[in-house]
Amino acid sequence: MQSAAMKIDTRFIRSGEKGIPDGLFLKYNPDRIVWIEVKKKNGQVSSNQKLWHAAEMRMGATVLVIRDIDDLKAWLRNESG
């Protein structure tokens, strides 16, 4: 699953909910849902994203904000023990 935005003329058309992370990644474990928000080095998490992330975490999901591939690699290393 991925959110998307497309510019048509002078306006943006978006899919998904406001604040939804960029990607949903499921491990082969029904109890584990991982949402990944991809940001540039200086990118900010919007208020809608913060609300969305908090709601998902309250339901037990993991929400990552990744700024570069090393962030993801570090999380994966930590997960694999």
N, C-alpha and C. Protein backbone atom coordinates (compact mmCIF):
# COMPACT_ATOMS: atom_id res chain seq x y z
N MET A 1 0.85 -1.16 0.00
CA MET A 1 0.00 0.00 0.00
C MET A 1 0.90 1.23 0.00
N GLN A 2 0.48 2.21 -0.72
CA GLN A 2 1.27 3.42 -0.76
C GLN A 2 0.35 4.60 -1.02
N SER A 3 0.67 5.72 -0.38
CA SER A 3 -0.07 6.94 -0.67
C SER A 3 0.56 7.56 -1.91
N ALA A 4 -0.18 8.43 -2.56
CA ALA A 4 0.35 9.03 -3.79
C ALA A 4 -0.25 10.41 -3.99
N ALA A 5 0.48 11.23 -4.72
CA ALA A 5 -0.03 12.54 -5.12
C ALA A 5 0.33 12.74 -6.58
N MET A 6 -0.60 13.32 -7.31
CA MET A 6 -0.38 13.54 -8.73
C MET A 6 -0.85 14.97 -9.04
N LYS A 7 -0.03 15.71 -9.77
CA LYS A 7 -0.41 17.07 -10.12
C LYS A 7 -1.13 17.05 -11.46
N ILE A 8 -2.31 17.65 -11.47
CA ILE A 8 -3.09 17.80 -12.69
C ILE A 8 -3.38 19.29 -12.84
N ASP A 9 -2.87 19.86 -13.91
CA ASP A 9 -2.95 21.31 -14.11
C ASP A 9 -2.30 22.01 -12.92
N THR A 10 -3.09 22.74 -12.14
CA THR A 10 -2.52 23.49 -11.01
C THR A 10 -2.88 22.89 -9.67
N ARG A 11 -3.49 21.71 -9.65
CA ARG A 11 -3.88 21.14 -8.36
C ARG A 11 -3.34 19.73 -8.20
N PHE A 12 -3.24 19.32 -6.94
CA PHE A 12 -2.77 17.98 -6.62
C PHE A 12 -3.96 17.08 -6.30
N ILE A 13 -3.93 15.88 -6.82
CA ILE A 13 -4.91 14.85 -6.50
C ILE A 13 -4.18 13.82 -5.65
N ARG A 14 -4.71 13.50 -4.49
CA ARG A 14 -4.05 12.57 -3.58
C ARG A 14 -4.90 11.32 -3.39
N SER A 15 -4.21 10.21 -3.18
CA SER A 15 -4.91 8.98 -2.81
C SER A 15 -4.56 8.67 -1.36
N GLY A 16 -5.40 7.94 -0.72
CA GLY A 16 -5.16 7.61 0.68
C GLY A 16 -5.70 8.70 1.61
N GLU A 17 -5.55 8.48 2.90
CA GLU A 17 -6.02 9.42 3.91
C GLU A 17 -4.96 10.47 4.19
N LYS A 18 -5.39 11.64 4.68
CA LYS A 18 -4.43 12.65 5.10
C LYS A 18 -3.58 12.08 6.22
N GLY A 19 -2.27 12.20 6.07
CA GLY A 19 -1.36 11.73 7.11
C GLY A 19 -0.90 10.30 6.96
N ILE A 20 -1.47 9.54 6.01
CA ILE A 20 -1.09 8.13 5.85
C ILE A 20 0.40 8.05 5.46
N PRO A 21 1.14 7.15 6.07
CA PRO A 21 2.55 7.00 5.70
C PRO A 21 2.73 6.58 4.24
N ASP A 22 3.96 6.72 3.77
CA ASP A 22 4.28 6.43 2.37
C ASP A 22 4.10 4.96 2.02
N GLY A 23 4.37 4.08 2.96
CA GLY A 23 4.27 2.66 2.63
C GLY A 23 3.85 1.82 3.81
N LEU A 24 3.20 0.70 3.52
CA LEU A 24 2.83 -0.30 4.52
C LEU A 24 3.57 -1.57 4.18
N PHE A 25 4.28 -2.11 5.16
CA PHE A 25 5.06 -3.32 4.94
C PHE A 25 4.63 -4.35 5.97
N LEU A 26 4.22 -5.50 5.50
CA LEU A 26 3.79 -6.57 6.38
C LEU A 26 4.84 -7.66 6.42
N LYS A 27 5.20 -8.06 7.63
CA LYS A 27 6.08 -9.22 7.76
C LYS A 27 5.18 -10.45 7.78
N TYR A 28 5.74 -11.60 7.57
CA TYR A 28 4.94 -12.83 7.60
C TYR A 28 4.66 -13.22 9.04
N ASN A 29 4.04 -12.34 9.73
CA ASN A 29 3.64 -12.52 11.11
C ASN A 29 2.36 -11.71 11.26
N PRO A 30 1.24 -12.34 11.49
CA PRO A 30 -0.02 -11.59 11.50
C PRO A 30 -0.11 -10.55 12.60
N ASP A 31 0.79 -10.60 13.56
CA ASP A 31 0.75 -9.64 14.65
C ASP A 31 1.65 -8.43 14.41
N ARG A 32 2.21 -8.30 13.24
CA ARG A 32 3.18 -7.22 13.02
C ARG A 32 2.83 -6.41 11.78
N ILE A 33 2.58 -5.14 11.97
CA ILE A 33 2.34 -4.20 10.88
C ILE A 33 3.35 -3.09 11.03
N VAL A 34 4.04 -2.76 9.94
CA VAL A 34 5.06 -1.71 9.95
C VAL A 34 4.72 -0.68 8.88
N TRP A 35 4.48 0.55 9.31
CA TRP A 35 4.29 1.67 8.39
C TRP A 35 5.60 2.42 8.28
N ILE A 36 5.96 2.82 7.07
CA ILE A 36 7.20 3.57 6.88
C ILE A 36 6.89 4.90 6.21
N GLU A 37 7.30 5.96 6.89
CA GLU A 37 7.20 7.32 6.37
C GLU A 37 8.60 7.71 5.90
N VAL A 38 8.72 8.10 4.64
CA VAL A 38 10.03 8.47 4.08
C VAL A 38 10.11 9.99 4.02
N LYS A 39 11.16 10.53 4.62
CA LYS A 39 11.37 11.98 4.64
C LYS A 39 12.77 12.32 4.16
N LYS A 40 12.91 13.50 3.58
CA LYS A 40 14.24 14.02 3.27
C LYS A 40 14.93 14.32 4.59
N LYS A 41 16.24 14.55 4.54
CA LYS A 41 17.02 14.82 5.76
C LYS A 41 16.37 15.88 6.63
N ASN A 42 15.90 16.96 6.02
CA ASN A 42 15.30 18.06 6.77
C ASN A 42 13.78 18.07 6.70
N GLY A 43 13.19 17.01 6.15
CA GLY A 43 11.73 16.95 6.00
C GLY A 43 11.03 16.87 7.35
N GLN A 44 9.88 17.49 7.43
CA GLN A 44 9.10 17.52 8.66
C GLN A 44 7.91 16.59 8.57
N VAL A 45 7.59 15.98 9.68
CA VAL A 45 6.38 15.17 9.77
C VAL A 45 5.23 16.14 10.03
N SER A 46 4.20 16.10 9.19
CA SER A 46 3.09 17.04 9.31
C SER A 46 2.22 16.70 10.53
N SER A 47 1.38 17.64 10.92
CA SER A 47 0.48 17.38 12.06
C SER A 47 -0.48 16.24 11.74
N ASN A 48 -0.97 16.16 10.49
CA ASN A 48 -1.83 15.04 10.11
C ASN A 48 -1.08 13.72 10.21
N GLN A 49 0.18 13.72 9.80
CA GLN A 49 0.98 12.50 9.89
C GLN A 49 1.20 12.10 11.35
N LYS A 50 1.49 13.06 12.21
CA LYS A 50 1.69 12.76 13.63
C LYS A 50 0.44 12.12 14.22
N LEU A 51 -0.74 12.66 13.88
CA LEU A 51 -1.99 12.08 14.37
C LEU A 51 -2.19 10.66 13.86
N TRP A 52 -1.92 10.46 12.58
CA TRP A 52 -2.08 9.14 11.96
C TRP A 52 -1.13 8.15 12.60
N HIS A 53 0.14 8.55 12.76
CA HIS A 53 1.15 7.68 13.36
C HIS A 53 0.73 7.28 14.78
N ALA A 54 0.29 8.26 15.56
CA ALA A 54 -0.10 7.98 16.95
C ALA A 54 -1.28 7.01 17.00
N ALA A 55 -2.26 7.19 16.13
CA ALA A 55 -3.42 6.28 16.10
C ALA A 55 -2.99 4.86 15.77
N GLU A 56 -2.11 4.71 14.80
CA GLU A 56 -1.64 3.37 14.43
C GLU A 56 -0.84 2.74 15.56
N MET A 57 0.00 3.52 16.21
CA MET A 57 0.81 2.97 17.31
C MET A 57 -0.08 2.56 18.49
N ARG A 58 -1.16 3.30 18.74
CA ARG A 58 -2.09 2.89 19.80
C ARG A 58 -2.72 1.54 19.50
N MET A 59 -2.84 1.19 18.22
CA MET A 59 -3.42 -0.10 17.84
C MET A 59 -2.35 -1.18 17.72
N GLY A 60 -1.09 -0.84 18.03
CA GLY A 60 -0.04 -1.84 18.05
C GLY A 60 0.88 -1.88 16.84
N ALA A 61 0.66 -1.01 15.88
CA ALA A 61 1.53 -0.98 14.70
C ALA A 61 2.85 -0.28 15.03
N THR A 62 3.86 -0.58 14.25
CA THR A 62 5.13 0.13 14.31
C THR A 62 5.11 1.18 13.21
N VAL A 63 5.53 2.39 13.54
CA VAL A 63 5.61 3.46 12.55
C VAL A 63 7.04 3.99 12.56
N LEU A 64 7.69 3.91 11.41
CA LEU A 64 9.07 4.39 11.27
C LEU A 64 9.09 5.64 10.42
N VAL A 65 9.93 6.58 10.81
CA VAL A 65 10.22 7.74 9.95
C VAL A 65 11.66 7.54 9.50
N ILE A 66 11.82 7.28 8.21
CA ILE A 66 13.12 6.94 7.63
C ILE A 66 13.63 8.14 6.83
N ARG A 67 14.85 8.57 7.12
CA ARG A 67 15.43 9.70 6.41
C ARG A 67 16.49 9.28 5.40
N ASP A 68 17.01 8.08 5.56
CA ASP A 68 17.92 7.53 4.57
C ASP A 68 17.98 6.02 4.74
N ILE A 69 18.61 5.36 3.81
CA ILE A 69 18.64 3.89 3.81
C ILE A 69 19.32 3.34 5.06
N ASP A 70 20.26 4.10 5.63
CA ASP A 70 20.94 3.63 6.84
C ASP A 70 19.98 3.54 8.02
N ASP A 71 18.98 4.44 8.08
CA ASP A 71 17.96 4.34 9.13
C ASP A 71 17.23 3.01 9.04
N LEU A 72 16.85 2.65 7.82
CA LEU A 72 16.13 1.39 7.62
C LEU A 72 17.01 0.19 7.93
N LYS A 73 18.25 0.23 7.47
CA LYS A 73 19.16 -0.88 7.75
C LYS A 73 19.37 -1.07 9.23
N ALA A 74 19.52 0.03 9.99
CA ALA A 74 19.71 -0.06 11.43
C ALA A 74 18.50 -0.67 12.10
N TRP A 75 17.30 -0.28 11.67
CA TRP A 75 16.09 -0.85 12.26
C TRP A 75 15.99 -2.33 11.95
N LEU A 76 16.29 -2.71 10.71
CA LEU A 76 16.24 -4.13 10.34
C LEU A 76 17.25 -4.96 11.11
N ARG A 77 18.46 -4.43 11.32
CA ARG A 77 19.47 -5.15 12.11
C ARG A 77 18.97 -5.35 13.54
N ASN A 78 18.39 -4.31 14.11
CA ASN A 78 17.87 -4.38 15.47
C ASN A 78 16.73 -5.40 15.57
N GLU A 79 15.89 -5.46 14.54
CA GLU A 79 14.77 -6.39 14.53
C GLU A 79 15.22 -7.84 14.43
N SER A 80 16.29 -8.08 13.71
CA SER A 80 16.74 -9.47 13.51
C SER A 80 17.57 -9.98 14.68
N GLY A 81 17.92 -9.08 15.61
CA GLY A 81 18.61 -9.47 16.82
C GLY A 81 20.03 -9.77 16.56
